[in-house]
Amino acid sequence: MPRDLAAVFVGGLIGTALRLSIDAALPHSGGQFPWSTLIINVLGALVLGLLVGMLWKRPGLPHWVRAGLGAGVLGSFTTFSAVMVSVVGMGAADAVGPASVYLVASLVLGLAAAFAGLRLGSTLAHLMMPGEIQEGDTL
């Protein structure tokens, strides 16, 4: 358990730094379309799907690695609260249309990215470890 907590803590630092870097590269105000948040959350959904499909079934993978990468890095990199802050900010700036588009795009693209990551990760896992993963284990 202490190793899991340490992995989540360190992963959280890494994910937060990555998120801050992308936000700094693509800044936006409350009324502007939040491209950085959309990119971060869709990319995070894709990577999490990829990791789950590729690594989570790997025999012998320590739990602290899953905790550090999933809850730590990607949990702090992506956040639904940032989506809501952006939607509220755009709504307050009377940009209800773009706020609606952003919310729908976040949900649809995030789900599509997660599904694509799961499929790709599962395919890659079977290529990398064909004898270690049973055929019925595909996602």
N, C-alpha and C. Protein backbone atom coordinates (compact mmCIF):
# COMPACT_ATOMS: atom_id res chain seq x y z
N MET A 1 0.80 -1.21 0.00
CA MET A 1 0.00 0.00 0.00
C MET A 1 0.84 1.27 0.00
N PRO A 2 1.90 1.39 0.80
CA PRO A 2 2.71 2.61 0.74
C PRO A 2 3.34 2.82 -0.64
N ARG A 3 3.71 1.72 -1.31
CA ARG A 3 4.28 1.85 -2.65
C ARG A 3 3.23 2.38 -3.62
N ASP A 4 1.98 1.91 -3.49
CA ASP A 4 0.90 2.39 -4.33
C ASP A 4 0.70 3.90 -4.15
N LEU A 5 0.66 4.34 -2.90
CA LEU A 5 0.46 5.76 -2.61
C LEU A 5 1.61 6.60 -3.16
N ALA A 6 2.82 6.12 -3.00
CA ALA A 6 3.98 6.84 -3.53
C ALA A 6 3.91 6.92 -5.06
N ALA A 7 3.50 5.83 -5.70
CA ALA A 7 3.39 5.82 -7.16
C ALA A 7 2.33 6.81 -7.64
N VAL A 8 1.19 6.86 -6.94
CA VAL A 8 0.14 7.81 -7.30
C VAL A 8 0.62 9.24 -7.08
N PHE A 9 1.33 9.49 -5.99
CA PHE A 9 1.84 10.82 -5.70
C PHE A 9 2.82 11.28 -6.78
N VAL A 10 3.79 10.44 -7.09
CA VAL A 10 4.79 10.81 -8.12
C VAL A 10 4.12 10.92 -9.49
N GLY A 11 3.24 9.97 -9.80
CA GLY A 11 2.50 10.06 -11.06
C GLY A 11 1.67 11.32 -11.15
N GLY A 12 1.07 11.71 -10.03
CA GLY A 12 0.29 12.94 -9.99
C GLY A 12 1.12 14.17 -10.28
N LEU A 13 2.33 14.20 -9.78
CA LEU A 13 3.23 15.32 -10.08
C LEU A 13 3.55 15.38 -11.57
N ILE A 14 3.79 14.21 -12.16
CA ILE A 14 4.12 14.16 -13.59
C ILE A 14 2.92 14.58 -14.43
N GLY A 15 1.75 14.03 -14.13
CA GLY A 15 0.55 14.37 -14.89
C GLY A 15 0.19 15.83 -14.78
N THR A 16 0.33 16.39 -13.60
CA THR A 16 0.02 17.81 -13.40
C THR A 16 0.99 18.69 -14.18
N ALA A 17 2.26 18.33 -14.18
CA ALA A 17 3.26 19.09 -14.94
C ALA A 17 2.97 19.03 -16.44
N LEU A 18 2.58 17.86 -16.92
CA LEU A 18 2.25 17.73 -18.34
C LEU A 18 1.03 18.58 -18.70
N ARG A 19 0.01 18.52 -17.85
CA ARG A 19 -1.20 19.30 -18.07
C ARG A 19 -0.90 20.80 -18.07
N LEU A 20 -0.12 21.25 -17.10
CA LEU A 20 0.23 22.66 -17.01
C LEU A 20 1.01 23.11 -18.25
N SER A 21 1.88 22.25 -18.76
CA SER A 21 2.66 22.59 -19.95
C SER A 21 1.77 22.79 -21.17
N ILE A 22 0.80 21.90 -21.34
CA ILE A 22 -0.11 22.03 -22.49
C ILE A 22 -1.01 23.24 -22.31
N ASP A 23 -1.50 23.47 -21.09
CA ASP A 23 -2.32 24.67 -20.82
C ASP A 23 -1.54 25.95 -21.09
N ALA A 24 -0.25 25.96 -20.75
CA ALA A 24 0.58 27.14 -20.99
C ALA A 24 0.84 27.34 -22.48
N ALA A 25 0.94 26.24 -23.23
CA ALA A 25 1.20 26.34 -24.67
C ALA A 25 -0.05 26.77 -25.44
N LEU A 26 -1.22 26.44 -24.91
CA LEU A 26 -2.49 26.76 -25.57
C LEU A 26 -3.42 27.47 -24.58
N PRO A 27 -3.07 28.68 -24.15
CA PRO A 27 -3.89 29.36 -23.13
C PRO A 27 -5.24 29.81 -23.69
N HIS A 28 -6.21 29.93 -22.79
CA HIS A 28 -7.52 30.44 -23.15
C HIS A 28 -8.15 31.12 -21.94
N SER A 29 -9.02 32.06 -22.23
CA SER A 29 -9.74 32.73 -21.15
C SER A 29 -11.08 32.04 -20.95
N GLY A 30 -11.85 32.51 -19.98
CA GLY A 30 -13.12 31.87 -19.64
C GLY A 30 -14.12 31.80 -20.78
N GLY A 31 -14.10 32.75 -21.70
CA GLY A 31 -15.07 32.77 -22.79
C GLY A 31 -14.57 32.13 -24.07
N GLN A 32 -13.30 31.75 -24.12
CA GLN A 32 -12.74 31.16 -25.34
C GLN A 32 -12.88 29.64 -25.33
N PHE A 33 -12.86 29.07 -26.53
CA PHE A 33 -12.93 27.61 -26.65
C PHE A 33 -11.67 27.01 -26.04
N PRO A 34 -11.81 26.08 -25.09
CA PRO A 34 -10.66 25.53 -24.36
C PRO A 34 -9.99 24.36 -25.09
N TRP A 35 -9.26 24.68 -26.15
CA TRP A 35 -8.61 23.64 -26.94
C TRP A 35 -7.67 22.78 -26.09
N SER A 36 -6.93 23.42 -25.19
CA SER A 36 -5.97 22.66 -24.39
C SER A 36 -6.67 21.60 -23.54
N THR A 37 -7.78 21.96 -22.92
CA THR A 37 -8.50 21.00 -22.07
C THR A 37 -9.08 19.86 -22.91
N LEU A 38 -9.62 20.19 -24.08
CA LEU A 38 -10.16 19.15 -24.96
C LEU A 38 -9.05 18.20 -25.40
N ILE A 39 -7.92 18.73 -25.82
CA ILE A 39 -6.79 17.90 -26.26
C ILE A 39 -6.29 17.03 -25.11
N ILE A 40 -6.13 17.62 -23.94
CA ILE A 40 -5.64 16.89 -22.77
C ILE A 40 -6.57 15.72 -22.42
N ASN A 41 -7.86 15.97 -22.34
CA ASN A 41 -8.79 14.94 -21.92
C ASN A 41 -8.96 13.83 -22.96
N VAL A 42 -8.97 14.20 -24.25
CA VAL A 42 -9.08 13.18 -25.29
C VAL A 42 -7.79 12.35 -25.36
N LEU A 43 -6.66 13.02 -25.28
CA LEU A 43 -5.38 12.30 -25.28
C LEU A 43 -5.27 11.39 -24.06
N GLY A 44 -5.68 11.88 -22.91
CA GLY A 44 -5.65 11.07 -21.69
C GLY A 44 -6.55 9.85 -21.79
N ALA A 45 -7.74 10.01 -22.38
CA ALA A 45 -8.65 8.87 -22.56
C ALA A 45 -8.04 7.84 -23.49
N LEU A 46 -7.40 8.30 -24.55
CA LEU A 46 -6.74 7.39 -25.49
C LEU A 46 -5.61 6.62 -24.81
N VAL A 47 -4.76 7.33 -24.08
CA VAL A 47 -3.63 6.69 -23.42
C VAL A 47 -4.09 5.73 -22.34
N LEU A 48 -5.10 6.11 -21.56
CA LEU A 48 -5.60 5.20 -20.53
C LEU A 48 -6.19 3.94 -21.16
N GLY A 49 -6.96 4.10 -22.23
CA GLY A 49 -7.49 2.94 -22.93
C GLY A 49 -6.37 2.05 -23.46
N LEU A 50 -5.35 2.67 -24.01
CA LEU A 50 -4.19 1.92 -24.53
C LEU A 50 -3.50 1.14 -23.42
N LEU A 51 -3.27 1.80 -22.30
CA LEU A 51 -2.62 1.13 -21.17
C LEU A 51 -3.46 -0.02 -20.61
N VAL A 52 -4.74 0.22 -20.46
CA VAL A 52 -5.62 -0.82 -19.94
C VAL A 52 -5.63 -2.01 -20.90
N GLY A 53 -5.76 -1.74 -22.18
CA GLY A 53 -5.80 -2.81 -23.16
C GLY A 53 -4.48 -3.55 -23.31
N MET A 54 -3.38 -2.84 -23.10
CA MET A 54 -2.06 -3.42 -23.36
C MET A 54 -1.37 -3.96 -22.11
N LEU A 55 -1.45 -3.23 -21.02
CA LEU A 55 -0.64 -3.60 -19.86
C LEU A 55 -1.40 -4.21 -18.70
N TRP A 56 -2.65 -3.84 -18.50
CA TRP A 56 -3.35 -4.26 -17.29
C TRP A 56 -3.50 -5.78 -17.19
N LYS A 57 -3.50 -6.47 -18.33
CA LYS A 57 -3.62 -7.93 -18.32
C LYS A 57 -2.27 -8.62 -18.26
N ARG A 58 -1.23 -7.86 -18.33
CA ARG A 58 0.11 -8.45 -18.34
C ARG A 58 0.39 -9.16 -17.02
N PRO A 59 0.70 -10.45 -17.09
CA PRO A 59 0.98 -11.19 -15.86
C PRO A 59 2.18 -10.60 -15.11
N GLY A 60 2.02 -10.46 -13.84
CA GLY A 60 3.13 -9.99 -13.00
C GLY A 60 3.30 -8.48 -12.96
N LEU A 61 2.42 -7.73 -13.62
CA LEU A 61 2.55 -6.27 -13.56
C LEU A 61 2.17 -5.81 -12.16
N PRO A 62 3.09 -5.16 -11.44
CA PRO A 62 2.79 -4.74 -10.07
C PRO A 62 1.62 -3.75 -10.00
N HIS A 63 0.84 -3.87 -8.96
CA HIS A 63 -0.31 -2.98 -8.77
C HIS A 63 0.13 -1.52 -8.69
N TRP A 64 1.28 -1.25 -8.10
CA TRP A 64 1.73 0.14 -7.95
C TRP A 64 2.01 0.78 -9.31
N VAL A 65 2.37 -0.02 -10.32
CA VAL A 65 2.58 0.54 -11.66
C VAL A 65 1.24 1.00 -12.23
N ARG A 66 0.22 0.15 -12.08
CA ARG A 66 -1.13 0.53 -12.54
C ARG A 66 -1.61 1.79 -11.81
N ALA A 67 -1.42 1.81 -10.50
CA ALA A 67 -1.86 2.96 -9.70
C ALA A 67 -1.11 4.23 -10.10
N GLY A 68 0.18 4.11 -10.29
CA GLY A 68 0.99 5.29 -10.65
C GLY A 68 0.65 5.84 -12.02
N LEU A 69 0.44 4.95 -12.99
CA LEU A 69 0.13 5.40 -14.35
C LEU A 69 -1.33 5.84 -14.48
N GLY A 70 -2.24 5.01 -13.95
CA GLY A 70 -3.67 5.31 -14.10
C GLY A 70 -4.14 6.45 -13.23
N ALA A 71 -4.24 6.19 -11.93
CA ALA A 71 -4.74 7.22 -11.00
C ALA A 71 -3.76 8.38 -10.87
N GLY A 72 -2.46 8.08 -10.91
CA GLY A 72 -1.46 9.13 -10.73
C GLY A 72 -1.29 10.03 -11.94
N VAL A 73 -0.61 9.52 -12.96
CA VAL A 73 -0.30 10.34 -14.14
C VAL A 73 -1.57 10.77 -14.87
N LEU A 74 -2.39 9.80 -15.27
CA LEU A 74 -3.55 10.15 -16.09
C LEU A 74 -4.69 10.75 -15.29
N GLY A 75 -4.79 10.39 -14.00
CA GLY A 75 -5.81 11.00 -13.16
C GLY A 75 -5.57 12.48 -12.93
N SER A 76 -4.31 12.87 -12.85
CA SER A 76 -4.01 14.29 -12.66
C SER A 76 -3.88 15.03 -13.99
N PHE A 77 -3.59 14.30 -15.05
CA PHE A 77 -3.48 14.90 -16.38
C PHE A 77 -4.86 15.28 -16.92
N THR A 78 -5.81 14.35 -16.79
CA THR A 78 -7.17 14.61 -17.25
C THR A 78 -8.05 14.93 -16.06
N THR A 79 -9.08 15.71 -16.30
CA THR A 79 -10.01 15.99 -15.22
C THR A 79 -11.33 16.51 -15.78
N PHE A 80 -12.40 15.91 -15.33
CA PHE A 80 -13.73 16.34 -15.77
C PHE A 80 -14.07 17.71 -15.19
N SER A 81 -13.51 18.04 -14.05
CA SER A 81 -13.80 19.35 -13.45
C SER A 81 -13.30 20.48 -14.34
N ALA A 82 -12.20 20.27 -15.05
CA ALA A 82 -11.71 21.30 -15.97
C ALA A 82 -12.70 21.51 -17.12
N VAL A 83 -13.35 20.43 -17.54
CA VAL A 83 -14.38 20.55 -18.58
C VAL A 83 -15.51 21.42 -18.05
N MET A 84 -15.95 21.15 -16.84
CA MET A 84 -17.08 21.90 -16.28
C MET A 84 -16.72 23.37 -16.05
N VAL A 85 -15.51 23.63 -15.60
CA VAL A 85 -15.08 25.02 -15.41
C VAL A 85 -15.11 25.75 -16.75
N SER A 86 -14.64 25.10 -17.80
CA SER A 86 -14.65 25.72 -19.13
C SER A 86 -16.07 25.96 -19.63
N VAL A 87 -16.96 24.99 -19.42
CA VAL A 87 -18.35 25.13 -19.86
C VAL A 87 -19.02 26.28 -19.11
N VAL A 88 -18.82 26.35 -17.81
CA VAL A 88 -19.40 27.44 -17.02
C VAL A 88 -18.81 28.78 -17.45
N GLY A 89 -17.50 28.83 -17.69
CA GLY A 89 -16.86 30.07 -18.13
C GLY A 89 -17.40 30.55 -19.46
N MET A 90 -17.57 29.63 -20.40
CA MET A 90 -18.12 30.02 -21.71
C MET A 90 -19.58 30.43 -21.57
N GLY A 91 -20.33 29.74 -20.73
CA GLY A 91 -21.73 30.12 -20.51
C GLY A 91 -21.84 31.50 -19.91
N ALA A 92 -20.97 31.81 -18.95
CA ALA A 92 -20.98 33.14 -18.32
C ALA A 92 -20.61 34.23 -19.31
N ALA A 93 -19.84 33.88 -20.34
CA ALA A 93 -19.44 34.85 -21.37
C ALA A 93 -20.43 34.83 -22.53
N ASP A 94 -21.63 34.27 -22.31
CA ASP A 94 -22.68 34.19 -23.33
C ASP A 94 -22.25 33.42 -24.57
N ALA A 95 -21.36 32.45 -24.40
CA ALA A 95 -20.93 31.58 -25.50
C ALA A 95 -21.56 30.21 -25.29
N VAL A 96 -22.90 30.17 -25.22
CA VAL A 96 -23.62 28.94 -24.92
C VAL A 96 -23.46 27.92 -26.06
N GLY A 97 -23.49 28.38 -27.30
CA GLY A 97 -23.32 27.47 -28.45
C GLY A 97 -21.97 26.77 -28.40
N PRO A 98 -20.87 27.54 -28.33
CA PRO A 98 -19.55 26.89 -28.24
C PRO A 98 -19.41 26.02 -26.99
N ALA A 99 -20.03 26.41 -25.88
CA ALA A 99 -19.97 25.60 -24.66
C ALA A 99 -20.65 24.26 -24.88
N SER A 100 -21.78 24.26 -25.57
CA SER A 100 -22.50 23.02 -25.86
C SER A 100 -21.69 22.13 -26.80
N VAL A 101 -21.10 22.74 -27.83
CA VAL A 101 -20.26 21.98 -28.76
C VAL A 101 -19.08 21.38 -28.02
N TYR A 102 -18.47 22.16 -27.15
CA TYR A 102 -17.32 21.68 -26.39
C TYR A 102 -17.68 20.52 -25.48
N LEU A 103 -18.81 20.62 -24.79
CA LEU A 103 -19.24 19.55 -23.89
C LEU A 103 -19.51 18.25 -24.66
N VAL A 104 -20.25 18.36 -25.76
CA VAL A 104 -20.54 17.18 -26.57
C VAL A 104 -19.26 16.61 -27.17
N ALA A 105 -18.39 17.48 -27.68
CA ALA A 105 -17.12 17.03 -28.26
C ALA A 105 -16.26 16.32 -27.21
N SER A 106 -16.23 16.85 -26.00
CA SER A 106 -15.45 16.23 -24.93
C SER A 106 -15.95 14.82 -24.65
N LEU A 107 -17.26 14.65 -24.55
CA LEU A 107 -17.83 13.33 -24.26
C LEU A 107 -17.64 12.35 -25.42
N VAL A 108 -18.01 12.79 -26.62
CA VAL A 108 -17.95 11.89 -27.78
C VAL A 108 -16.50 11.54 -28.12
N LEU A 109 -15.64 12.55 -28.20
CA LEU A 109 -14.24 12.27 -28.55
C LEU A 109 -13.53 11.49 -27.44
N GLY A 110 -13.85 11.79 -26.19
CA GLY A 110 -13.24 11.05 -25.08
C GLY A 110 -13.62 9.59 -25.09
N LEU A 111 -14.90 9.29 -25.30
CA LEU A 111 -15.34 7.90 -25.38
C LEU A 111 -14.75 7.19 -26.59
N ALA A 112 -14.72 7.88 -27.73
CA ALA A 112 -14.14 7.27 -28.93
C ALA A 112 -12.65 7.01 -28.74
N ALA A 113 -11.95 7.94 -28.13
CA ALA A 113 -10.52 7.77 -27.89
C ALA A 113 -10.26 6.62 -26.92
N ALA A 114 -11.06 6.51 -25.87
CA ALA A 114 -10.90 5.42 -24.91
C ALA A 114 -11.13 4.07 -25.59
N PHE A 115 -12.18 3.98 -26.40
CA PHE A 115 -12.48 2.74 -27.11
C PHE A 115 -11.35 2.40 -28.08
N ALA A 116 -10.87 3.39 -28.83
CA ALA A 116 -9.77 3.15 -29.77
C ALA A 116 -8.51 2.70 -29.02
N GLY A 117 -8.24 3.32 -27.89
CA GLY A 117 -7.08 2.92 -27.09
C GLY A 117 -7.20 1.50 -26.57
N LEU A 118 -8.39 1.13 -26.11
CA LEU A 118 -8.62 -0.25 -25.64
C LEU A 118 -8.39 -1.26 -26.76
N ARG A 119 -8.95 -0.98 -27.92
CA ARG A 119 -8.79 -1.91 -29.05
C ARG A 119 -7.34 -2.01 -29.48
N LEU A 120 -6.68 -0.87 -29.63
CA LEU A 120 -5.28 -0.87 -30.05
C LEU A 120 -4.40 -1.53 -29.00
N GLY A 121 -4.62 -1.21 -27.74
CA GLY A 121 -3.84 -1.81 -26.67
C GLY A 121 -4.00 -3.31 -26.59
N SER A 122 -5.23 -3.78 -26.76
CA SER A 122 -5.49 -5.22 -26.75
C SER A 122 -4.78 -5.91 -27.92
N THR A 123 -4.84 -5.29 -29.08
CA THR A 123 -4.16 -5.85 -30.25
C THR A 123 -2.66 -5.89 -30.04
N LEU A 124 -2.10 -4.81 -29.53
CA LEU A 124 -0.65 -4.77 -29.27
C LEU A 124 -0.25 -5.78 -28.20
N ALA A 125 -1.07 -5.95 -27.19
CA ALA A 125 -0.76 -6.91 -26.13
C ALA A 125 -0.69 -8.32 -26.70
N HIS A 126 -1.59 -8.64 -27.58
CA HIS A 126 -1.59 -9.98 -28.17
C HIS A 126 -0.37 -10.16 -29.09
N LEU A 127 0.07 -9.11 -29.74
CA LEU A 127 1.26 -9.21 -30.59
C LEU A 127 2.53 -9.36 -29.75
N MET A 128 2.59 -8.65 -28.62
CA MET A 128 3.78 -8.65 -27.78
C MET A 128 3.88 -9.91 -26.94
N MET A 129 2.75 -10.43 -26.46
CA MET A 129 2.76 -11.56 -25.52
C MET A 129 1.73 -12.60 -25.94
N PRO A 130 1.86 -13.19 -27.13
CA PRO A 130 0.81 -14.08 -27.60
C PRO A 130 0.56 -15.29 -26.71
N GLY A 131 1.56 -15.81 -26.04
CA GLY A 131 1.37 -16.98 -25.20
C GLY A 131 0.89 -16.66 -23.80
N GLU A 132 0.98 -15.39 -23.40
CA GLU A 132 0.64 -15.00 -22.03
C GLU A 132 -0.80 -14.54 -21.87
N ILE A 133 -1.45 -14.19 -22.98
CA ILE A 133 -2.83 -13.71 -22.93
C ILE A 133 -3.69 -14.69 -23.72
N GLN A 134 -4.75 -15.14 -23.11
CA GLN A 134 -5.64 -16.10 -23.74
C GLN A 134 -6.46 -15.41 -24.82
N GLU A 135 -6.86 -16.15 -25.84
CA GLU A 135 -7.63 -15.60 -26.95
C GLU A 135 -8.92 -14.93 -26.51
N GLY A 136 -9.59 -15.46 -25.51
CA GLY A 136 -10.85 -14.89 -25.05
C GLY A 136 -10.69 -13.61 -24.25
N ASP A 137 -9.46 -13.14 -24.04
CA ASP A 137 -9.21 -11.96 -23.23
C ASP A 137 -9.26 -10.66 -24.02
N THR A 138 -9.64 -10.67 -25.29
CA THR A 138 -9.67 -9.44 -26.07
C THR A 138 -10.77 -8.54 -25.57
N LEU A 139 -10.60 -7.27 -25.79
CA LEU A 139 -11.61 -6.28 -25.35
C LEU A 139 -12.52 -5.95 -26.49
